Amino acid sequence: MEPDRCSFCKGRLIKGGTEFIVRVVSELLVIRGIPAYACEECDEAYYTPDISRKIDRIME
């Protein structure tokens, strides 16, 4: 099931790509070109469970 509305602002989600940026201790990790659904209104990104698992593996 694909998400269709943002849980924060109820904006419509568009399939596309995004960047994942996180600080780990004193390092900054940037992963570019991640498939995601992004809110048209607030730009909040939503990842599929498969993409979330891949991000978790990279973070480890």
PDB file of N, CA and C in Angstrom:
ATOM      1  N   MET A   1       0.840  -1.182   0.000  1.00  0.00           N
ATOM      2  CA  MET A   1       0.000   0.000   0.000  1.00  0.00           C
ATOM      3  C   MET A   1       0.890   1.252   0.000  1.00  0.00           C
ATOM      4  N   GLU A   2       0.655   2.138  -0.925  1.00  0.00           N
ATOM      5  CA  GLU A   2       1.434   3.362  -1.019  1.00  0.00           C
ATOM      6  C   GLU A   2       0.806   4.464  -0.167  1.00  0.00           C
ATOM      7  N   PRO A   3       1.633   5.221   0.536  1.00  0.00           N
ATOM      8  CA  PRO A   3       1.083   6.338   1.321  1.00  0.00           C
ATOM      9  C   PRO A   3       0.532   7.410   0.385  1.00  0.00           C
ATOM     10  N   ASP A   4      -0.501   8.143   0.827  1.00  0.00           N
ATOM     11  CA  ASP A   4      -1.056   9.184  -0.044  1.00  0.00           C
ATOM     12  C   ASP A   4      -1.189  10.546   0.622  1.00  0.00           C
ATOM     13  N   ARG A   5      -1.132  10.596   1.967  1.00  0.00           N
ATOM     14  CA  ARG A   5      -1.260  11.867   2.694  1.00  0.00           C
ATOM     15  C   ARG A   5      -0.210  11.977   3.785  1.00  0.00           C
ATOM     16  N   CYS A   6       0.281  13.187   3.966  1.00  0.00           N
ATOM     17  CA  CYS A   6       1.265  13.476   5.008  1.00  0.00           C
ATOM     18  C   CYS A   6       0.591  13.374   6.379  1.00  0.00           C
ATOM     19  N   SER A   7       1.251  12.720   7.311  1.00  0.00           N
ATOM     20  CA  SER A   7       0.670  12.580   8.647  1.00  0.00           C
ATOM     21  C   SER A   7       0.788  13.860   9.467  1.00  0.00           C
ATOM     22  N   PHE A   8       1.628  14.817   9.031  1.00  0.00           N
ATOM     23  CA  PHE A   8       1.793  16.078   9.750  1.00  0.00           C
ATOM     24  C   PHE A   8       0.820  17.152   9.277  1.00  0.00           C
ATOM     25  N   CYS A   9       0.786  17.394   7.947  1.00  0.00           N
ATOM     26  CA  CYS A   9      -0.026  18.509   7.441  1.00  0.00           C
ATOM     27  C   CYS A   9      -1.164  18.067   6.525  1.00  0.00           C
ATOM     28  N   LYS A  10      -1.255  16.757   6.262  1.00  0.00           N
ATOM     29  CA  LYS A  10      -2.293  16.176   5.401  1.00  0.00           C
ATOM     30  C   LYS A  10      -2.125  16.543   3.930  1.00  0.00           C
ATOM     31  N   GLY A  11      -0.937  17.063   3.556  1.00  0.00           N
ATOM     32  CA  GLY A  11      -0.647  17.350   2.148  1.00  0.00           C
ATOM     33  C   GLY A  11      -0.539  16.072   1.341  1.00  0.00           C
ATOM     34  N   ARG A  12      -0.583  16.211   0.023  1.00  0.00           N
ATOM     35  CA  ARG A  12      -0.510  15.058  -0.873  1.00  0.00           C
ATOM     36  C   ARG A  12       0.942  14.625  -1.038  1.00  0.00           C
ATOM     37  N   LEU A  13       1.181  13.308  -1.068  1.00  0.00           N
ATOM     38  CA  LEU A  13       2.523  12.765  -1.230  1.00  0.00           C
ATOM     39  C   LEU A  13       2.782  12.441  -2.693  1.00  0.00           C
ATOM     40  N   ILE A  14       3.978  12.792  -3.146  1.00  0.00           N
ATOM     41  CA  ILE A  14       4.407  12.574  -4.519  1.00  0.00           C
ATOM     42  C   ILE A  14       5.599  11.624  -4.508  1.00  0.00           C
ATOM     43  N   LYS A  15       5.565  10.606  -5.369  1.00  0.00           N
ATOM     44  CA  LYS A  15       6.674   9.664  -5.474  1.00  0.00           C
ATOM     45  C   LYS A  15       7.855  10.355  -6.154  1.00  0.00           C
ATOM     46  N   GLY A  16       9.028  10.199  -5.569  1.00  0.00           N
ATOM     47  CA  GLY A  16      10.224  10.838  -6.121  1.00  0.00           C
ATOM     48  C   GLY A  16      11.455  10.372  -5.385  1.00  0.00           C
ATOM     49  N   GLY A  17      12.377  11.283  -5.146  1.00  0.00           N
ATOM     50  CA  GLY A  17      13.610  10.959  -4.447  1.00  0.00           C
ATOM     51  C   GLY A  17      13.978  12.060  -3.474  1.00  0.00           C
ATOM     52  N   THR A  18      14.872  11.735  -2.556  1.00  0.00           N
ATOM     53  CA  THR A  18      15.280  12.696  -1.540  1.00  0.00           C
ATOM     54  C   THR A  18      16.684  12.369  -1.046  1.00  0.00           C
ATOM     55  N   GLU A  19      17.160  13.148  -0.108  1.00  0.00           N
ATOM     56  CA  GLU A  19      18.423  12.897   0.587  1.00  0.00           C
ATOM     57  C   GLU A  19      18.111  12.527   2.026  1.00  0.00           C
ATOM     58  N   PHE A  20      18.931  11.678   2.601  1.00  0.00           N
ATOM     59  CA  PHE A  20      18.833  11.334   4.013  1.00  0.00           C
ATOM     60  C   PHE A  20      20.084  11.889   4.675  1.00  0.00           C
ATOM     61  N   ILE A  21      19.904  12.776   5.637  1.00  0.00           N
ATOM     62  CA  ILE A  21      21.034  13.421   6.312  1.00  0.00           C
ATOM     63  C   ILE A  21      20.903  13.181   7.813  1.00  0.00           C
ATOM     64  N   VAL A  22      21.993  12.696   8.411  1.00  0.00           N
ATOM     65  CA  VAL A  22      21.969  12.434   9.851  1.00  0.00           C
ATOM     66  C   VAL A  22      23.367  12.667  10.419  1.00  0.00           C
ATOM     67  N   ARG A  23      23.415  13.149  11.650  1.00  0.00           N
ATOM     68  CA  ARG A  23      24.689  13.323  12.352  1.00  0.00           C
ATOM     69  C   ARG A  23      24.889  12.102  13.245  1.00  0.00           C
ATOM     70  N   VAL A  24      26.057  11.463  13.104  1.00  0.00           N
ATOM     71  CA  VAL A  24      26.431  10.317  13.923  1.00  0.00           C
ATOM     72  C   VAL A  24      27.689  10.723  14.677  1.00  0.00           C
ATOM     73  N   VAL A  25      27.535  10.946  15.969  1.00  0.00           N
ATOM     74  CA  VAL A  25      28.586  11.472  16.844  1.00  0.00           C
ATOM     75  C   VAL A  25      29.063  12.798  16.241  1.00  0.00           C
ATOM     76  N   SER A  26      30.279  12.851  15.699  1.00  0.00           N
ATOM     77  CA  SER A  26      30.760  14.105  15.125  1.00  0.00           C
ATOM     78  C   SER A  26      30.797  14.068  13.593  1.00  0.00           C
ATOM     79  N   GLU A  27      30.274  13.015  13.014  1.00  0.00           N
ATOM     80  CA  GLU A  27      30.276  12.846  11.559  1.00  0.00           C
ATOM     81  C   GLU A  27      28.891  13.129  10.987  1.00  0.00           C
ATOM     82  N   LEU A  28      28.874  13.631   9.765  1.00  0.00           N
ATOM     83  CA  LEU A  28      27.626  13.878   9.054  1.00  0.00           C
ATOM     84  C   LEU A  28      27.528  12.854   7.929  1.00  0.00           C
ATOM     85  N   LEU A  29      26.437  12.104   7.904  1.00  0.00           N
ATOM     86  CA  LEU A  29      26.208  11.087   6.882  1.00  0.00           C
ATOM     87  C   LEU A  29      25.130  11.592   5.936  1.00  0.00           C
ATOM     88  N   VAL A  30      25.432  11.598   4.630  1.00  0.00           N
ATOM     89  CA  VAL A  30      24.478  12.031   3.620  1.00  0.00           C
ATOM     90  C   VAL A  30      24.317  10.904   2.606  1.00  0.00           C
ATOM     91  N   ILE A  31      23.085  10.460   2.403  1.00  0.00           N
ATOM     92  CA  ILE A  31      22.781   9.452   1.395  1.00  0.00           C
ATOM     93  C   ILE A  31      21.878  10.145   0.377  1.00  0.00           C
ATOM     94  N   ARG A  32      22.329  10.215  -0.864  1.00  0.00           N
ATOM     95  CA  ARG A  32      21.582  10.927  -1.906  1.00  0.00           C
ATOM     96  C   ARG A  32      20.817   9.956  -2.796  1.00  0.00           C
ATOM     97  N   GLY A  33      19.772  10.462  -3.424  1.00  0.00           N
ATOM     98  CA  GLY A  33      19.028   9.689  -4.412  1.00  0.00           C
ATOM     99  C   GLY A  33      18.205   8.553  -3.840  1.00  0.00           C
ATOM    100  N   ILE A  34      17.657   8.736  -2.659  1.00  0.00           N
ATOM    101  CA  ILE A  34      16.847   7.701  -2.028  1.00  0.00           C
ATOM    102  C   ILE A  34      15.413   7.795  -2.544  1.00  0.00           C
ATOM    103  N   PRO A  35      14.844   6.678  -3.023  1.00  0.00           N
ATOM    104  CA  PRO A  35      13.435   6.699  -3.421  1.00  0.00           C
ATOM    105  C   PRO A  35      12.563   6.993  -2.201  1.00  0.00           C
ATOM    106  N   ALA A  36      11.609   7.896  -2.360  1.00  0.00           N
ATOM    107  CA  ALA A  36      10.755   8.283  -1.236  1.00  0.00           C
ATOM    108  C   ALA A  36       9.474   8.917  -1.755  1.00  0.00           C
ATOM    109  N   TYR A  37       8.564   9.111  -0.847  1.00  0.00           N
ATOM    110  CA  TYR A  37       7.365   9.903  -1.101  1.00  0.00           C
ATOM    111  C   TYR A  37       7.558  11.200  -0.341  1.00  0.00           C
ATOM    112  N   ALA A  38       7.380  12.333  -1.000  1.00  0.00           N
ATOM    113  CA  ALA A  38       7.582  13.628  -0.359  1.00  0.00           C
ATOM    114  C   ALA A  38       6.277  14.414  -0.366  1.00  0.00           C
ATOM    115  N   CYS A  39       6.014  15.107   0.728  1.00  0.00           N
ATOM    116  CA  CYS A  39       4.811  15.921   0.856  1.00  0.00           C
ATOM    117  C   CYS A  39       4.942  17.179  -0.007  1.00  0.00           C
ATOM    118  N   GLU A  40       3.905  17.485  -0.768  1.00  0.00           N
ATOM    119  CA  GLU A  40       3.896  18.701  -1.600  1.00  0.00           C
ATOM    120  C   GLU A  40       3.901  19.970  -0.762  1.00  0.00           C
ATOM    121  N   GLU A  41       3.378  19.893   0.445  1.00  0.00           N
ATOM    122  CA  GLU A  41       3.230  21.086   1.289  1.00  0.00           C
ATOM    123  C   GLU A  41       4.432  21.336   2.195  1.00  0.00           C
ATOM    124  N   CYS A  42       4.872  20.316   2.932  1.00  0.00           N
ATOM    125  CA  CYS A  42       5.912  20.542   3.950  1.00  0.00           C
ATOM    126  C   CYS A  42       7.224  19.812   3.659  1.00  0.00           C
ATOM    127  N   ASP A  43       7.304  19.061   2.572  1.00  0.00           N
ATOM    128  CA  ASP A  43       8.512  18.334   2.160  1.00  0.00           C
ATOM    129  C   ASP A  43       8.915  17.191   3.081  1.00  0.00           C
ATOM    130  N   GLU A  44       8.048  16.775   3.990  1.00  0.00           N
ATOM    131  CA  GLU A  44       8.346  15.615   4.832  1.00  0.00           C
ATOM    132  C   GLU A  44       8.512  14.396   3.928  1.00  0.00           C
ATOM    133  N   ALA A  45       9.536  13.574   4.189  1.00  0.00           N
ATOM    134  CA  ALA A  45       9.804  12.396   3.368  1.00  0.00           C
ATOM    135  C   ALA A  45       9.307  11.136   4.065  1.00  0.00           C
ATOM    136  N   TYR A  46       8.764  10.228   3.272  1.00  0.00           N
ATOM    137  CA  TYR A  46       8.283   8.936   3.755  1.00  0.00           C
ATOM    138  C   TYR A  46       8.966   7.851   2.942  1.00  0.00           C
ATOM    139  N   TYR A  47       9.499   6.828   3.644  1.00  0.00           N
ATOM    140  CA  TYR A  47      10.222   5.742   2.999  1.00  0.00           C
ATOM    141  C   TYR A  47       9.430   4.451   3.097  1.00  0.00           C
ATOM    142  N   THR A  48       9.590   3.582   2.101  1.00  0.00           N
ATOM    143  CA  THR A  48       8.981   2.262   2.173  1.00  0.00           C
ATOM    144  C   THR A  48       9.744   1.447   3.217  1.00  0.00           C
ATOM    145  N   PRO A  49       9.151   0.370   3.727  1.00  0.00           N
ATOM    146  CA  PRO A  49       9.865  -0.463   4.702  1.00  0.00           C
ATOM    147  C   PRO A  49      11.191  -0.997   4.148  1.00  0.00           C
ATOM    148  N   ASP A  50      11.225  -1.351   2.874  1.00  0.00           N
ATOM    149  CA  ASP A  50      12.455  -1.852   2.262  1.00  0.00           C
ATOM    150  C   ASP A  50      13.553  -0.788   2.270  1.00  0.00           C
ATOM    151  N   ILE A  51      13.220   0.422   1.908  1.00  0.00           N
ATOM    152  CA  ILE A  51      14.194   1.523   1.907  1.00  0.00           C
ATOM    153  C   ILE A  51      14.644   1.827   3.330  1.00  0.00           C
ATOM    154  N   SER A  52      13.728   1.802   4.278  1.00  0.00           N
ATOM    155  CA  SER A  52      14.093   2.034   5.691  1.00  0.00           C
ATOM    156  C   SER A  52      15.099   1.000   6.174  1.00  0.00           C
ATOM    157  N   ARG A  53      14.910  -0.270   5.796  1.00  0.00           N
ATOM    158  CA  ARG A  53      15.855  -1.324   6.190  1.00  0.00           C
ATOM    159  C   ARG A  53      17.226  -1.074   5.566  1.00  0.00           C
ATOM    160  N   LYS A  54      17.257  -0.631   4.314  1.00  0.00           N
ATOM    161  CA  LYS A  54      18.530  -0.343   3.657  1.00  0.00           C
ATOM    162  C   LYS A  54      19.258   0.811   4.344  1.00  0.00           C
ATOM    163  N   ILE A  55      18.512   1.840   4.727  1.00  0.00           N
ATOM    164  CA  ILE A  55      19.112   2.970   5.456  1.00  0.00           C
ATOM    165  C   ILE A  55      19.676   2.470   6.793  1.00  0.00           C
ATOM    166  N   ASP A  56      18.911   1.638   7.490  1.00  0.00           N
ATOM    167  CA  ASP A  56      19.377   1.088   8.771  1.00  0.00           C
ATOM    168  C   ASP A  56      20.687   0.298   8.604  1.00  0.00           C
ATOM    169  N   ARG A  57      20.783  -0.492   7.528  1.00  0.00           N
ATOM    170  CA  ARG A  57      22.016  -1.268   7.293  1.00  0.00           C
ATOM    171  C   ARG A  57      23.209  -0.343   7.045  1.00  0.00           C
ATOM    172  N   ILE A  58      22.993   0.719   6.306  1.00  0.00           N
ATOM    173  CA  ILE A  58      24.067   1.696   6.054  1.00  0.00           C
ATOM    174  C   ILE A  58      24.490   2.351   7.368  1.00  0.00           C
ATOM    175  N   MET A  59      23.512   2.683   8.205  1.00  0.00           N
ATOM    176  CA  MET A  59      23.803   3.347   9.489  1.00  0.00           C
ATOM    177  C   MET A  59      24.623   2.454  10.422  1.00  0.00           C
ATOM    178  N   GLU A  60      24.437   1.142  10.331  1.00  0.00           N
ATOM    179  CA  GLU A  60      25.185   0.225  11.193  1.00  0.00           C
ATOM    180  C   GLU A  60      26.648   0.260  10.829  1.00  0.00           C
TER     181      GLU A  60
END
